[in-house]
Amino acid sequence: MVLKRLVIFYVSVLVYISNPVHAEGFRIELGDSEVVQDMESRVPVSPWFPDGHITILKNEDVLQMYWAGSSSYRTVGKSVESMKLNPTKPVLSKGKQTSFDNGGAWLMSVHRFSGQNLLGFYHAEDHVWGKHPNPNKIAWKSIATCESMNDGKSWIKVGQIITSPKRKPSTPMWGGNGDFCVVYDNLNSRWVCYYQEHYLYMAISNDFRALPGSWFKYYQGGFTEPGLGGKENPIKGLKSHPGGNPSVLFNMYLKKWLMVWHTWQGDIVYSSSQNMTEWEVPRLLVSSGPNEKAWYATIIGITDTVAARHAWLYYAYWPNKDNWKRQFVKRSIRFIKEN
């Protein structure tokens, strides 16, 4: 099955930020909004995409992208706008009724070990609440890891790595640790996960395979609490802007880490950091109108974890936040240093 080329067109009604956005030591210039229109890609989750962080791998001039949904799909191509479904079936799907991922497995961060060996992190949802019906698919969330030995064409689930300190309620209620991204901190040889449970939190693993039991949450100034059920403190500098689905990359031009995420009000904000733990005061990047919503932002440069001076901002835009139908939006983004 072949994906037909995605068609991009300008949408004049998407009017967000026309002036440069300033941060500590640099400013951001955003281009006009474009909608990446998925004409006949036949990726089953594409009507609900993006539905979380977008993860990209690069092998020479070929990109590998994952369409995260309750079932996750793999595509390959020269660009985000020219992808082919490969394979045609999901590469990661929900688990059994009794499992922690019975409601779905959103593959949100993928990294290459070597050759065709990949490490993946997925957002898991539990939709089962005993005998209580759950027609709205209310989820209790957690984060799990998986591995692939055939370049992402299929995955083996390894297990949960991060779960909430709160016990899952007996009746349907949104909660749990999820909606995340994972990046590798080369300076300290460790994995770093940024996730949410209303506020943004972080956890690390010093294990190369990021196995269950190796993760520790940030709590009271250090990574001291176990990833599975441990206590947690919100990232101090970001607490003023609660939200979810953070996307973090290293900007080689600025020599800083950048994070974008959506607030619960439907705006996209960003922050920067030198050490991945202490973050600057968040600033507005994309502002939504009273009946609009912009969520699930990812900056993609070389990949979703590395960018330079020029990159692209992808996100989901709802012209009517009360309607599930969304648009896959793309905007050029340029970083400019300031003295």
C-alpha atoms as a PDB file:
ATOM      1  CA  MET A   1       0.000   0.000   0.000  1.00  0.00           C
ATOM      2  CA  VAL A   2       1.464   3.352  -1.047  1.00  0.00           C
ATOM      3  CA  LEU A   3       0.883   6.761   0.488  1.00  0.00           C
ATOM      4  CA  LYS A   4       0.056   9.420  -2.056  1.00  0.00           C
ATOM      5  CA  ARG A   5       1.917  12.671  -1.637  1.00  0.00           C
ATOM      6  CA  LEU A   6       0.486  14.910   1.066  1.00  0.00           C
ATOM      7  CA  VAL A   7      -0.857  18.160  -0.315  1.00  0.00           C
ATOM      8  CA  ILE A   8       0.023  21.395   1.492  1.00  0.00           C
ATOM      9  CA  PHE A   9      -1.985  24.559   1.099  1.00  0.00           C
ATOM     10  CA  TYR A  10      -2.137  27.899   2.852  1.00  0.00           C
ATOM     11  CA  VAL A  11      -5.052  28.675   5.137  1.00  0.00           C
ATOM     12  CA  SER A  12      -5.697  32.378   5.483  1.00  0.00           C
ATOM     13  CA  VAL A  13      -7.984  31.969   8.478  1.00  0.00           C
ATOM     14  CA  LEU A  14      -5.161  30.668  10.680  1.00  0.00           C
ATOM     15  CA  VAL A  15      -3.823  33.929  12.051  1.00  0.00           C
ATOM     16  CA  TYR A  16      -1.626  33.544  15.100  1.00  0.00           C
ATOM     17  CA  ILE A  17       1.613  35.371  15.810  1.00  0.00           C
ATOM     18  CA  SER A  18       2.785  37.853  13.189  1.00  0.00           C
ATOM     19  CA  ASN A  19       5.625  39.421  15.198  1.00  0.00           C
ATOM     20  CA  PRO A  20       8.833  37.716  16.337  1.00  0.00           C
ATOM     21  CA  VAL A  21       8.685  35.938  19.683  1.00  0.00           C
ATOM     22  CA  HIS A  22      11.461  36.848  22.113  1.00  0.00           C
ATOM     23  CA  ALA A  23      13.180  34.677  24.703  1.00  0.00           C
ATOM     24  CA  GLU A  24      16.331  34.853  26.777  1.00  0.00           C
ATOM     25  CA  GLY A  25      19.156  35.536  24.282  1.00  0.00           C
ATOM     26  CA  PHE A  26      17.218  34.745  21.117  1.00  0.00           C
ATOM     27  CA  ARG A  27      14.002  35.347  19.246  1.00  0.00           C
ATOM     28  CA  ILE A  28      11.776  33.139  17.119  1.00  0.00           C
ATOM     29  CA  GLU A  29      10.198  34.020  13.789  1.00  0.00           C
ATOM     30  CA  LEU A  30       7.245  31.899  12.629  1.00  0.00           C
ATOM     31  CA  GLY A  31       6.129  31.553   9.039  1.00  0.00           C
ATOM     32  CA  ASP A  32       2.561  31.452   7.769  1.00  0.00           C
ATOM     33  CA  SER A  33       0.323  28.562   8.731  1.00  0.00           C
ATOM     34  CA  GLU A  34      -0.039  25.695   6.289  1.00  0.00           C
ATOM     35  CA  VAL A  35      -2.252  22.655   6.614  1.00  0.00           C
ATOM     36  CA  VAL A  36      -0.683  19.323   5.753  1.00  0.00           C
ATOM     37  CA  GLN A  37      -3.681  17.729   4.108  1.00  0.00           C
ATOM     38  CA  ASP A  38      -3.585  13.934   4.215  1.00  0.00           C
ATOM     39  CA  MET A  39      -5.446  13.134   1.004  1.00  0.00           C
ATOM     40  CA  GLU A  40      -5.204   9.356   0.620  1.00  0.00           C
ATOM     41  CA  SER A  41      -2.397   8.222   2.880  1.00  0.00           C
ATOM     42  CA  ARG A  42      -4.521   5.392   4.270  1.00  0.00           C
ATOM     43  CA  VAL A  43      -2.857   5.614   7.667  1.00  0.00           C
ATOM     44  CA  PRO A  44      -5.888   4.655   9.783  1.00  0.00           C
ATOM     45  CA  VAL A  45      -5.080   7.097  12.598  1.00  0.00           C
ATOM     46  CA  SER A  46      -4.453  10.068  10.273  1.00  0.00           C
ATOM     47  CA  PRO A  47      -7.858  11.736  10.939  1.00  0.00           C
ATOM     48  CA  TRP A  48      -6.769  12.062  14.587  1.00  0.00           C
ATOM     49  CA  PHE A  49      -3.158  13.044  13.872  1.00  0.00           C
ATOM     50  CA  PRO A  50      -1.168  14.442  15.504  1.00  0.00           C
ATOM     51  CA  ASP A  51      -2.325  12.935  18.782  1.00  0.00           C
ATOM     52  CA  GLY A  52       0.901  13.385  20.710  1.00  0.00           C
ATOM     53  CA  HIS A  53       4.600  13.967  20.151  1.00  0.00           C
ATOM     54  CA  ILE A  54       5.791  13.235  16.589  1.00  0.00           C
ATOM     55  CA  THR A  55       8.937  11.103  16.461  1.00  0.00           C
ATOM     56  CA  ILE A  56      11.321  11.026  13.479  1.00  0.00           C
ATOM     57  CA  LEU A  57      14.424   8.968  12.705  1.00  0.00           C
ATOM     58  CA  LYS A  58      16.848   9.777   9.893  1.00  0.00           C
ATOM     59  CA  ASN A  59      19.033   7.310   7.975  1.00  0.00           C
ATOM     60  CA  GLU A  60      21.063   9.200   5.378  1.00  0.00           C
ATOM     61  CA  ASP A  61      18.397  11.034   3.321  1.00  0.00           C
ATOM     62  CA  VAL A  62      15.452   8.828   4.309  1.00  0.00           C
ATOM     63  CA  LEU A  63      13.130   9.681   7.207  1.00  0.00           C
ATOM     64  CA  GLN A  64      11.184   7.228   9.311  1.00  0.00           C
ATOM     65  CA  MET A  65       8.106   8.609  11.064  1.00  0.00           C
ATOM     66  CA  TYR A  66       5.598   7.123  13.495  1.00  0.00           C
ATOM     67  CA  TRP A  67       1.899   7.981  13.467  1.00  0.00           C
ATOM     68  CA  ALA A  68       1.052   7.679  17.152  1.00  0.00           C
ATOM     69  CA  GLY A  69      -2.469   6.566  17.954  1.00  0.00           C
ATOM     70  CA  SER A  70      -4.252   3.841  19.863  1.00  0.00           C
ATOM     71  CA  SER A  71      -2.504   1.713  17.232  1.00  0.00           C
ATOM     72  CA  SER A  72       0.776   3.146  15.942  1.00  0.00           C
ATOM     73  CA  TYR A  73       1.989   3.063  12.325  1.00  0.00           C
ATOM     74  CA  ARG A  74       5.359   3.491  10.613  1.00  0.00           C
ATOM     75  CA  THR A  75       5.993   5.477   7.434  1.00  0.00           C
ATOM     76  CA  VAL A  76       9.156   6.199   5.426  1.00  0.00           C
ATOM     77  CA  GLY A  77      10.006   8.902   2.903  1.00  0.00           C
ATOM     78  CA  LYS A  78      12.216  11.816   1.955  1.00  0.00           C
ATOM     79  CA  SER A  79      10.154  14.265   4.024  1.00  0.00           C
ATOM     80  CA  VAL A  80       7.190  14.430   6.390  1.00  0.00           C
ATOM     81  CA  GLU A  81       5.090  15.413   3.361  1.00  0.00           C
ATOM     82  CA  SER A  82       6.044  12.395   1.218  1.00  0.00           C
ATOM     83  CA  MET A  83       5.639   9.286   3.318  1.00  0.00           C
ATOM     84  CA  LYS A  84       4.797   5.679   2.430  1.00  0.00           C
ATOM     85  CA  LEU A  85       3.151   3.291   4.844  1.00  0.00           C
ATOM     86  CA  ASN A  86       5.628   0.522   5.675  1.00  0.00           C
ATOM     87  CA  PRO A  87       4.405  -1.971   6.793  1.00  0.00           C
ATOM     88  CA  THR A  88       0.674  -1.612   6.094  1.00  0.00           C
ATOM     89  CA  LYS A  89      -0.378  -3.004   9.468  1.00  0.00           C
ATOM     90  CA  PRO A  90       0.177  -1.382  12.892  1.00  0.00           C
ATOM     91  CA  VAL A  91       3.670  -1.784  14.312  1.00  0.00           C
ATOM     92  CA  LEU A  92       2.406  -1.390  17.896  1.00  0.00           C
ATOM     93  CA  SER A  93      -1.106  -2.083  19.202  1.00  0.00           C
ATOM     94  CA  LYS A  94      -3.038  -2.181  22.453  1.00  0.00           C
ATOM     95  CA  GLY A  95      -2.673  -5.073  24.866  1.00  0.00           C
ATOM     96  CA  LYS A  96      -5.095  -7.535  26.379  1.00  0.00           C
ATOM     97  CA  GLN A  97      -8.149  -6.464  28.385  1.00  0.00           C
ATOM     98  CA  THR A  98      -6.298  -7.025  31.666  1.00  0.00           C
ATOM     99  CA  SER A  99      -3.155  -5.097  30.650  1.00  0.00           C
ATOM    100  CA  PHE A 100      -2.134  -1.518  31.462  1.00  0.00           C
ATOM    101  CA  ASP A 101      -2.286  -0.679  27.721  1.00  0.00           C
ATOM    102  CA  ASN A 102      -5.695  -2.190  26.951  1.00  0.00           C
ATOM    103  CA  GLY A 103      -6.846   1.176  25.558  1.00  0.00           C
ATOM    104  CA  GLY A 104      -3.968   1.757  23.180  1.00  0.00           C
ATOM    105  CA  ALA A 105      -0.230   2.227  22.614  1.00  0.00           C
ATOM    106  CA  TRP A 106       0.917   5.602  21.231  1.00  0.00           C
ATOM    107  CA  LEU A 107       4.536   5.282  20.048  1.00  0.00           C
ATOM    108  CA  MET A 108       5.860   8.774  20.832  1.00  0.00           C
ATOM    109  CA  SER A 109       9.680   8.578  20.989  1.00  0.00           C
ATOM    110  CA  VAL A 110      11.962   6.302  18.961  1.00  0.00           C
ATOM    111  CA  HIS A 111      15.767   6.138  19.113  1.00  0.00           C
ATOM    112  CA  ARG A 112      18.347   4.055  17.272  1.00  0.00           C
ATOM    113  CA  PHE A 113      20.682   1.786  19.238  1.00  0.00           C
ATOM    114  CA  SER A 114      22.662   0.567  16.227  1.00  0.00           C
ATOM    115  CA  GLY A 115      21.885  -0.822  12.811  1.00  0.00           C
ATOM    116  CA  GLN A 116      18.257  -1.940  12.806  1.00  0.00           C
ATOM    117  CA  ASN A 117      17.988  -2.069  16.607  1.00  0.00           C
ATOM    118  CA  LEU A 118      15.645   0.615  17.916  1.00  0.00           C
ATOM    119  CA  LEU A 119      14.410   1.666  21.352  1.00  0.00           C
ATOM    120  CA  GLY A 120      10.871   3.002  21.635  1.00  0.00           C
ATOM    121  CA  PHE A 121       8.783   4.687  24.316  1.00  0.00           C
ATOM    122  CA  TYR A 122       5.007   4.613  24.198  1.00  0.00           C
ATOM    123  CA  HIS A 123       2.073   6.270  25.912  1.00  0.00           C
ATOM    124  CA  ALA A 124      -0.185   3.559  27.330  1.00  0.00           C
ATOM    125  CA  GLU A 125      -3.854   3.926  28.234  1.00  0.00           C
ATOM    126  CA  ASP A 126      -5.979   1.769  30.515  1.00  0.00           C
ATOM    127  CA  HIS A 127      -9.670   2.132  29.610  1.00  0.00           C
ATOM    128  CA  VAL A 128     -11.017  -0.637  31.837  1.00  0.00           C
ATOM    129  CA  TRP A 129     -12.757   0.441  35.059  1.00  0.00           C
ATOM    130  CA  GLY A 130     -14.154  -2.804  36.401  1.00  0.00           C
ATOM    131  CA  LYS A 131     -17.870  -3.068  35.711  1.00  0.00           C
ATOM    132  CA  HIS A 132     -18.231   0.661  35.056  1.00  0.00           C
ATOM    133  CA  PRO A 133     -18.976   1.511  31.387  1.00  0.00           C
ATOM    134  CA  ASN A 134     -16.517   3.851  29.664  1.00  0.00           C
ATOM    135  CA  PRO A 135     -18.084   5.060  26.383  1.00  0.00           C
ATOM    136  CA  ASN A 136     -15.885   8.188  26.312  1.00  0.00           C
ATOM    137  CA  LYS A 137     -12.661   6.143  26.613  1.00  0.00           C
ATOM    138  CA  ILE A 138     -11.492   7.938  29.745  1.00  0.00           C
ATOM    139  CA  ALA A 139      -7.921   6.796  30.369  1.00  0.00           C
ATOM    140  CA  TRP A 140      -5.523   6.110  33.191  1.00  0.00           C
ATOM    141  CA  LYS A 141      -2.109   6.723  31.635  1.00  0.00           C
ATOM    142  CA  SER A 142       1.406   5.353  31.998  1.00  0.00           C
ATOM    143  CA  ILE A 143       4.663   5.231  30.030  1.00  0.00           C
ATOM    144  CA  ALA A 144       6.245   2.039  28.725  1.00  0.00           C
ATOM    145  CA  THR A 145       9.182   0.959  26.612  1.00  0.00           C
ATOM    146  CA  CYS A 146       9.550  -1.376  23.652  1.00  0.00           C
ATOM    147  CA  GLU A 147      12.323  -2.601  21.342  1.00  0.00           C
ATOM    148  CA  SER A 148      12.610  -3.389  17.644  1.00  0.00           C
ATOM    149  CA  MET A 149      15.236  -5.509  15.885  1.00  0.00           C
ATOM    150  CA  ASN A 150      13.983  -4.895  12.331  1.00  0.00           C
ATOM    151  CA  ASP A 151      14.188  -1.088  12.044  1.00  0.00           C
ATOM    152  CA  GLY A 152      10.765  -0.453  13.533  1.00  0.00           C
ATOM    153  CA  LYS A 153       8.648  -2.780  11.384  1.00  0.00           C
ATOM    154  CA  SER A 154       7.573  -4.623  14.525  1.00  0.00           C
ATOM    155  CA  TRP A 155       8.082  -4.082  18.244  1.00  0.00           C
ATOM    156  CA  ILE A 156       8.460  -6.168  21.390  1.00  0.00           C
ATOM    157  CA  LYS A 157       6.907  -4.626  24.505  1.00  0.00           C
ATOM    158  CA  VAL A 158       9.278  -4.520  27.492  1.00  0.00           C
ATOM    159  CA  GLY A 159       7.141  -2.983  30.254  1.00  0.00           C
ATOM    160  CA  GLN A 160       6.074   0.112  32.175  1.00  0.00           C
ATOM    161  CA  ILE A 161       8.769   2.559  33.236  1.00  0.00           C
ATOM    162  CA  ILE A 162       6.813   5.519  34.692  1.00  0.00           C
ATOM    163  CA  THR A 163       3.510   5.415  36.585  1.00  0.00           C
ATOM    164  CA  SER A 164       1.593   7.865  38.748  1.00  0.00           C
ATOM    165  CA  PRO A 165       2.029   8.059  42.529  1.00  0.00           C
ATOM    166  CA  LYS A 166      -1.769   8.175  42.646  1.00  0.00           C
ATOM    167  CA  ARG A 167      -3.761   4.969  42.713  1.00  0.00           C
ATOM    168  CA  LYS A 168      -6.075   4.395  39.776  1.00  0.00           C
ATOM    169  CA  PRO A 169      -9.619   5.318  40.906  1.00  0.00           C
ATOM    170  CA  SER A 170     -12.391   2.731  40.896  1.00  0.00           C
ATOM    171  CA  THR A 171     -14.549   4.825  38.541  1.00  0.00           C
ATOM    172  CA  PRO A 172     -13.529   6.508  35.241  1.00  0.00           C
ATOM    173  CA  MET A 173     -11.333   9.554  35.810  1.00  0.00           C
ATOM    174  CA  TRP A 174      -8.615  11.085  33.647  1.00  0.00           C
ATOM    175  CA  GLY A 175      -5.161  10.745  35.192  1.00  0.00           C
ATOM    176  CA  GLY A 176      -1.834   8.972  35.348  1.00  0.00           C
ATOM    177  CA  ASN A 177       1.619   9.806  33.985  1.00  0.00           C
ATOM    178  CA  GLY A 178       1.799  10.133  30.188  1.00  0.00           C
ATOM    179  CA  ASP A 179       1.737  12.499  27.184  1.00  0.00           C
ATOM    180  CA  PHE A 180       5.519  12.693  27.002  1.00  0.00           C
ATOM    181  CA  CYS A 181       8.737  12.715  25.007  1.00  0.00           C
ATOM    182  CA  VAL A 182      12.112  11.086  25.710  1.00  0.00           C
ATOM    183  CA  VAL A 183      15.504  12.485  24.683  1.00  0.00           C
ATOM    184  CA  TYR A 184      19.067  11.324  25.296  1.00  0.00           C
ATOM    185  CA  ASP A 185      21.369  13.538  27.360  1.00  0.00           C
ATOM    186  CA  ASN A 186      24.802  12.820  25.874  1.00  0.00           C
ATOM    187  CA  LEU A 187      26.638  15.024  28.356  1.00  0.00           C
ATOM    188  CA  ASN A 188      25.436  12.922  31.300  1.00  0.00           C
ATOM    189  CA  SER A 189      24.880   9.625  29.420  1.00  0.00           C
ATOM    190  CA  ARG A 190      21.263   9.275  30.454  1.00  0.00           C
ATOM    191  CA  TRP A 191      17.725   9.199  29.121  1.00  0.00           C
ATOM    192  CA  VAL A 192      15.419  12.063  30.111  1.00  0.00           C
ATOM    193  CA  CYS A 193      11.635  11.804  29.977  1.00  0.00           C
ATOM    194  CA  TYR A 194       9.377  14.861  30.161  1.00  0.00           C
ATOM    195  CA  TYR A 195       5.778  13.942  30.944  1.00  0.00           C
ATOM    196  CA  GLN A 196       2.584  15.329  32.439  1.00  0.00           C
ATOM    197  CA  GLU A 197      -0.037  14.798  35.061  1.00  0.00           C
ATOM    198  CA  HIS A 198      -1.644  18.236  34.799  1.00  0.00           C
ATOM    199  CA  TYR A 199       1.815  19.848  35.357  1.00  0.00           C
ATOM    200  CA  LEU A 200       5.071  18.924  33.587  1.00  0.00           C
ATOM    201  CA  TYR A 201       7.479  16.535  35.320  1.00  0.00           C
ATOM    202  CA  MET A 202      10.722  14.780  34.463  1.00  0.00           C
ATOM    203  CA  ALA A 203      12.494  11.494  35.122  1.00  0.00           C
ATOM    204  CA  ILE A 204      15.850   9.978  34.133  1.00  0.00           C
ATOM    205  CA  SER A 205      17.397   6.587  33.480  1.00  0.00           C
ATOM    206  CA  ASN A 206      21.135   5.872  33.435  1.00  0.00           C
ATOM    207  CA  ASP A 207      20.536   2.471  31.877  1.00  0.00           C
ATOM    208  CA  PHE A 208      21.428   2.272  28.175  1.00  0.00           C
ATOM    209  CA  ARG A 209      18.325   0.178  27.455  1.00  0.00           C
ATOM    210  CA  ALA A 210      16.118   2.342  29.719  1.00  0.00           C
ATOM    211  CA  LEU A 211      14.675  -0.782  31.296  1.00  0.00           C
ATOM    212  CA  PRO A 212      11.835  -0.838  33.839  1.00  0.00           C
ATOM    213  CA  GLY A 213      13.177  -0.184  37.337  1.00  0.00           C
ATOM    214  CA  SER A 214      16.019   2.038  36.088  1.00  0.00           C
ATOM    215  CA  TRP A 215      13.939   5.238  36.051  1.00  0.00           C
ATOM    216  CA  PHE A 216      13.879   7.862  38.787  1.00  0.00           C
ATOM    217  CA  LYS A 217      11.593  10.874  39.082  1.00  0.00           C
ATOM    218  CA  TYR A 218      12.621  14.410  39.949  1.00  0.00           C
ATOM    219  CA  TYR A 219      11.616  15.077  43.562  1.00  0.00           C
ATOM    220  CA  GLN A 220      12.817  17.701  46.068  1.00  0.00           C
ATOM    221  CA  GLY A 221      15.820  18.768  43.992  1.00  0.00           C
ATOM    222  CA  GLY A 222      17.051  15.377  42.827  1.00  0.00           C
ATOM    223  CA  PHE A 223      16.169  12.232  40.931  1.00  0.00           C
ATOM    224  CA  THR A 224      15.402  10.197  44.008  1.00  0.00           C
ATOM    225  CA  GLU A 225      11.974   8.611  43.556  1.00  0.00           C
ATOM    226  CA  PRO A 226      11.308   5.437  41.549  1.00  0.00           C
ATOM    227  CA  GLY A 227       9.689   5.845  38.160  1.00  0.00           C
ATOM    228  CA  LEU A 228       7.099   3.226  39.031  1.00  0.00           C
ATOM    229  CA  GLY A 229       4.751   4.926  41.491  1.00  0.00           C
ATOM    230  CA  GLY A 230       7.271   7.297  43.045  1.00  0.00           C
ATOM    231  CA  LYS A 231       6.571  10.826  44.284  1.00  0.00           C
ATOM    232  CA  GLU A 232       7.230  13.753  41.940  1.00  0.00           C
ATOM    233  CA  ASN A 233       7.547  17.533  41.843  1.00  0.00           C
ATOM    234  CA  PRO A 234       6.571  19.674  38.855  1.00  0.00           C
ATOM    235  CA  ILE A 235       9.456  21.239  36.944  1.00  0.00           C
ATOM    236  CA  LYS A 236       9.804  24.475  38.885  1.00  0.00           C
ATOM    237  CA  GLY A 237      10.330  26.926  36.041  1.00  0.00           C
ATOM    238  CA  LEU A 238       7.369  25.567  34.057  1.00  0.00           C
ATOM    239  CA  LYS A 239       4.766  25.298  36.792  1.00  0.00           C
ATOM    240  CA  SER A 240       3.183  28.613  35.773  1.00  0.00           C
ATOM    241  CA  HIS A 241       1.988  27.028  32.512  1.00  0.00           C
ATOM    242  CA  PRO A 242       0.377  23.627  33.193  1.00  0.00           C
ATOM    243  CA  GLY A 243      -0.084  21.515  30.105  1.00  0.00           C
ATOM    244  CA  GLY A 244       0.915  18.348  28.319  1.00  0.00           C
ATOM    245  CA  ASN A 245       2.699  16.667  25.423  1.00  0.00           C
ATOM    246  CA  PRO A 246       6.082  18.390  25.746  1.00  0.00           C
ATOM    247  CA  SER A 247       8.514  18.112  22.841  1.00  0.00           C
ATOM    248  CA  VAL A 248      12.202  18.634  23.616  1.00  0.00           C
ATOM    249  CA  LEU A 249      15.170  18.966  21.250  1.00  0.00           C
ATOM    250  CA  PHE A 250      18.693  20.354  21.206  1.00  0.00           C
ATOM    251  CA  ASN A 251      19.205  23.417  19.016  1.00  0.00           C
ATOM    252  CA  MET A 252      22.760  23.340  17.638  1.00  0.00           C
ATOM    253  CA  TYR A 253      22.610  26.982  16.541  1.00  0.00           C
ATOM    254  CA  LEU A 254      21.506  28.321  19.938  1.00  0.00           C
ATOM    255  CA  LYS A 255      23.396  25.628  21.865  1.00  0.00           C
ATOM    256  CA  LYS A 256      20.338  25.222  24.077  1.00  0.00           C
ATOM    257  CA  TRP A 257      17.617  22.724  24.770  1.00  0.00           C
ATOM    258  CA  LEU A 258      14.173  23.868  23.644  1.00  0.00           C
ATOM    259  CA  MET A 259      10.780  22.647  24.798  1.00  0.00           C
ATOM    260  CA  VAL A 260       7.369  23.315  23.269  1.00  0.00           C
ATOM    261  CA  TRP A 261       4.087  22.118  24.763  1.00  0.00           C
ATOM    262  CA  HIS A 262       0.413  22.995  24.851  1.00  0.00           C
ATOM    263  CA  THR A 263      -1.379  24.579  27.774  1.00  0.00           C
ATOM    264  CA  TRP A 264      -4.772  23.300  28.825  1.00  0.00           C
ATOM    265  CA  GLN A 265      -6.259  26.550  27.471  1.00  0.00           C
ATOM    266  CA  GLY A 266      -5.206  25.565  23.937  1.00  0.00           C
ATOM    267  CA  ASP A 267      -2.110  27.714  23.360  1.00  0.00           C
ATOM    268  CA  ILE A 268       1.420  26.557  22.497  1.00  0.00           C
ATOM    269  CA  VAL A 269       4.252  27.842  24.672  1.00  0.00           C
ATOM    270  CA  TYR A 270       8.004  27.270  24.785  1.00  0.00           C
ATOM    271  CA  SER A 271      11.009  27.456  27.076  1.00  0.00           C
ATOM    272  CA  SER A 272      14.778  26.939  26.872  1.00  0.00           C
ATOM    273  CA  SER A 273      17.395  25.370  29.118  1.00  0.00           C
ATOM    274  CA  GLN A 274      21.147  24.864  29.318  1.00  0.00           C
ATOM    275  CA  ASN A 275      21.078  21.813  31.595  1.00  0.00           C
ATOM    276  CA  MET A 276      17.669  20.171  30.915  1.00  0.00           C
ATOM    277  CA  THR A 277      16.565  20.668  34.545  1.00  0.00           C
ATOM    278  CA  GLU A 278      16.364  24.449  34.994  1.00  0.00           C
ATOM    279  CA  TRP A 279      14.064  26.075  32.440  1.00  0.00           C
ATOM    280  CA  GLU A 280      13.436  29.707  31.490  1.00  0.00           C
ATOM    281  CA  VAL A 281      10.083  31.401  32.068  1.00  0.00           C
ATOM    282  CA  PRO A 282       7.662  30.016  29.433  1.00  0.00           C
ATOM    283  CA  ARG A 283       6.671  32.290  26.565  1.00  0.00           C
ATOM    284  CA  LEU A 284       3.743  32.237  24.169  1.00  0.00           C
ATOM    285  CA  LEU A 285       4.445  30.802  20.713  1.00  0.00           C
ATOM    286  CA  VAL A 286       1.000  30.118  19.186  1.00  0.00           C
ATOM    287  CA  SER A 287      -2.124  31.784  20.553  1.00  0.00           C
ATOM    288  CA  SER A 288      -5.590  30.352  19.937  1.00  0.00           C
ATOM    289  CA  GLY A 289      -8.895  32.182  19.785  1.00  0.00           C
ATOM    290  CA  PRO A 290     -11.675  31.568  22.323  1.00  0.00           C
ATOM    291  CA  ASN A 291     -13.186  28.683  20.349  1.00  0.00           C
ATOM    292  CA  GLU A 292      -9.933  27.324  18.877  1.00  0.00           C
ATOM    293  CA  LYS A 293      -7.292  24.954  20.178  1.00  0.00           C
ATOM    294  CA  ALA A 294      -3.647  24.233  19.263  1.00  0.00           C
ATOM    295  CA  TRP A 295      -2.136  21.080  20.793  1.00  0.00           C
ATOM    296  CA  TYR A 296       0.515  18.402  20.218  1.00  0.00           C
ATOM    297  CA  ALA A 297       3.382  20.637  19.055  1.00  0.00           C
ATOM    298  CA  THR A 298       6.668  19.199  17.790  1.00  0.00           C
ATOM    299  CA  ILE A 299       9.629  21.096  16.341  1.00  0.00           C
ATOM    300  CA  ILE A 300      11.248  19.039  13.582  1.00  0.00           C
ATOM    301  CA  GLY A 301      14.661  19.971  12.258  1.00  0.00           C
ATOM    302  CA  ILE A 302      17.139  17.251  11.366  1.00  0.00           C
ATOM    303  CA  THR A 303      14.891  15.020  13.487  1.00  0.00           C
ATOM    304  CA  ASP A 304      12.501  15.660  16.377  1.00  0.00           C
ATOM    305  CA  THR A 305      15.440  15.758  18.836  1.00  0.00           C
ATOM    306  CA  VAL A 306      17.993  17.896  16.926  1.00  0.00           C
ATOM    307  CA  ALA A 307      17.555  21.141  14.998  1.00  0.00           C
ATOM    308  CA  ALA A 308      19.619  24.101  13.799  1.00  0.00           C
ATOM    309  CA  ARG A 309      18.692  27.680  12.894  1.00  0.00           C
ATOM    310  CA  HIS A 310      15.832  26.703  10.574  1.00  0.00           C
ATOM    311  CA  ALA A 311      13.195  24.091  11.405  1.00  0.00           C
ATOM    312  CA  TRP A 312       9.459  23.407  11.240  1.00  0.00           C
ATOM    313  CA  LEU A 313       6.769  23.562  13.882  1.00  0.00           C
ATOM    314  CA  TYR A 314       4.065  20.908  13.484  1.00  0.00           C
ATOM    315  CA  TYR A 315       0.921  20.771  15.604  1.00  0.00           C
ATOM    316  CA  ALA A 316      -2.780  19.962  15.665  1.00  0.00           C
ATOM    317  CA  TYR A 317      -5.228  22.819  15.190  1.00  0.00           C
ATOM    318  CA  TRP A 318      -8.939  22.741  15.976  1.00  0.00           C
ATOM    319  CA  PRO A 319     -10.982  25.534  14.310  1.00  0.00           C
ATOM    320  CA  ASN A 320     -13.725  24.438  16.718  1.00  0.00           C
ATOM    321  CA  LYS A 321     -12.384  22.934  19.929  1.00  0.00           C
ATOM    322  CA  ASP A 322     -15.752  21.289  20.613  1.00  0.00           C
ATOM    323  CA  ASN A 323     -15.428  19.209  17.430  1.00  0.00           C
ATOM    324  CA  TRP A 324     -12.935  16.311  17.298  1.00  0.00           C
ATOM    325  CA  LYS A 325     -11.907  17.177  13.712  1.00  0.00           C
ATOM    326  CA  ARG A 326      -8.450  18.685  13.598  1.00  0.00           C
ATOM    327  CA  GLN A 327      -5.953  19.965  11.023  1.00  0.00           C
ATOM    328  CA  PHE A 328      -2.315  18.916  10.783  1.00  0.00           C
ATOM    329  CA  VAL A 329      -0.579  22.312  10.713  1.00  0.00           C
ATOM    330  CA  LYS A 330       2.961  23.181   9.689  1.00  0.00           C
ATOM    331  CA  ARG A 331       4.875  26.471  10.108  1.00  0.00           C
ATOM    332  CA  SER A 332       8.465  27.403   9.359  1.00  0.00           C
ATOM    333  CA  ILE A 333      10.388  28.452  12.431  1.00  0.00           C
ATOM    334  CA  ARG A 334      13.627  30.460  12.505  1.00  0.00           C
ATOM    335  CA  PHE A 335      15.838  31.143  15.508  1.00  0.00           C
ATOM    336  CA  ILE A 336      17.811  34.391  15.740  1.00  0.00           C
ATOM    337  CA  LYS A 337      20.452  35.122  18.385  1.00  0.00           C
ATOM    338  CA  GLU A 338      20.322  38.400  20.243  1.00  0.00           C
ATOM    339  CA  ASN A 339      23.081  40.129  22.216  1.00  0.00           C
END
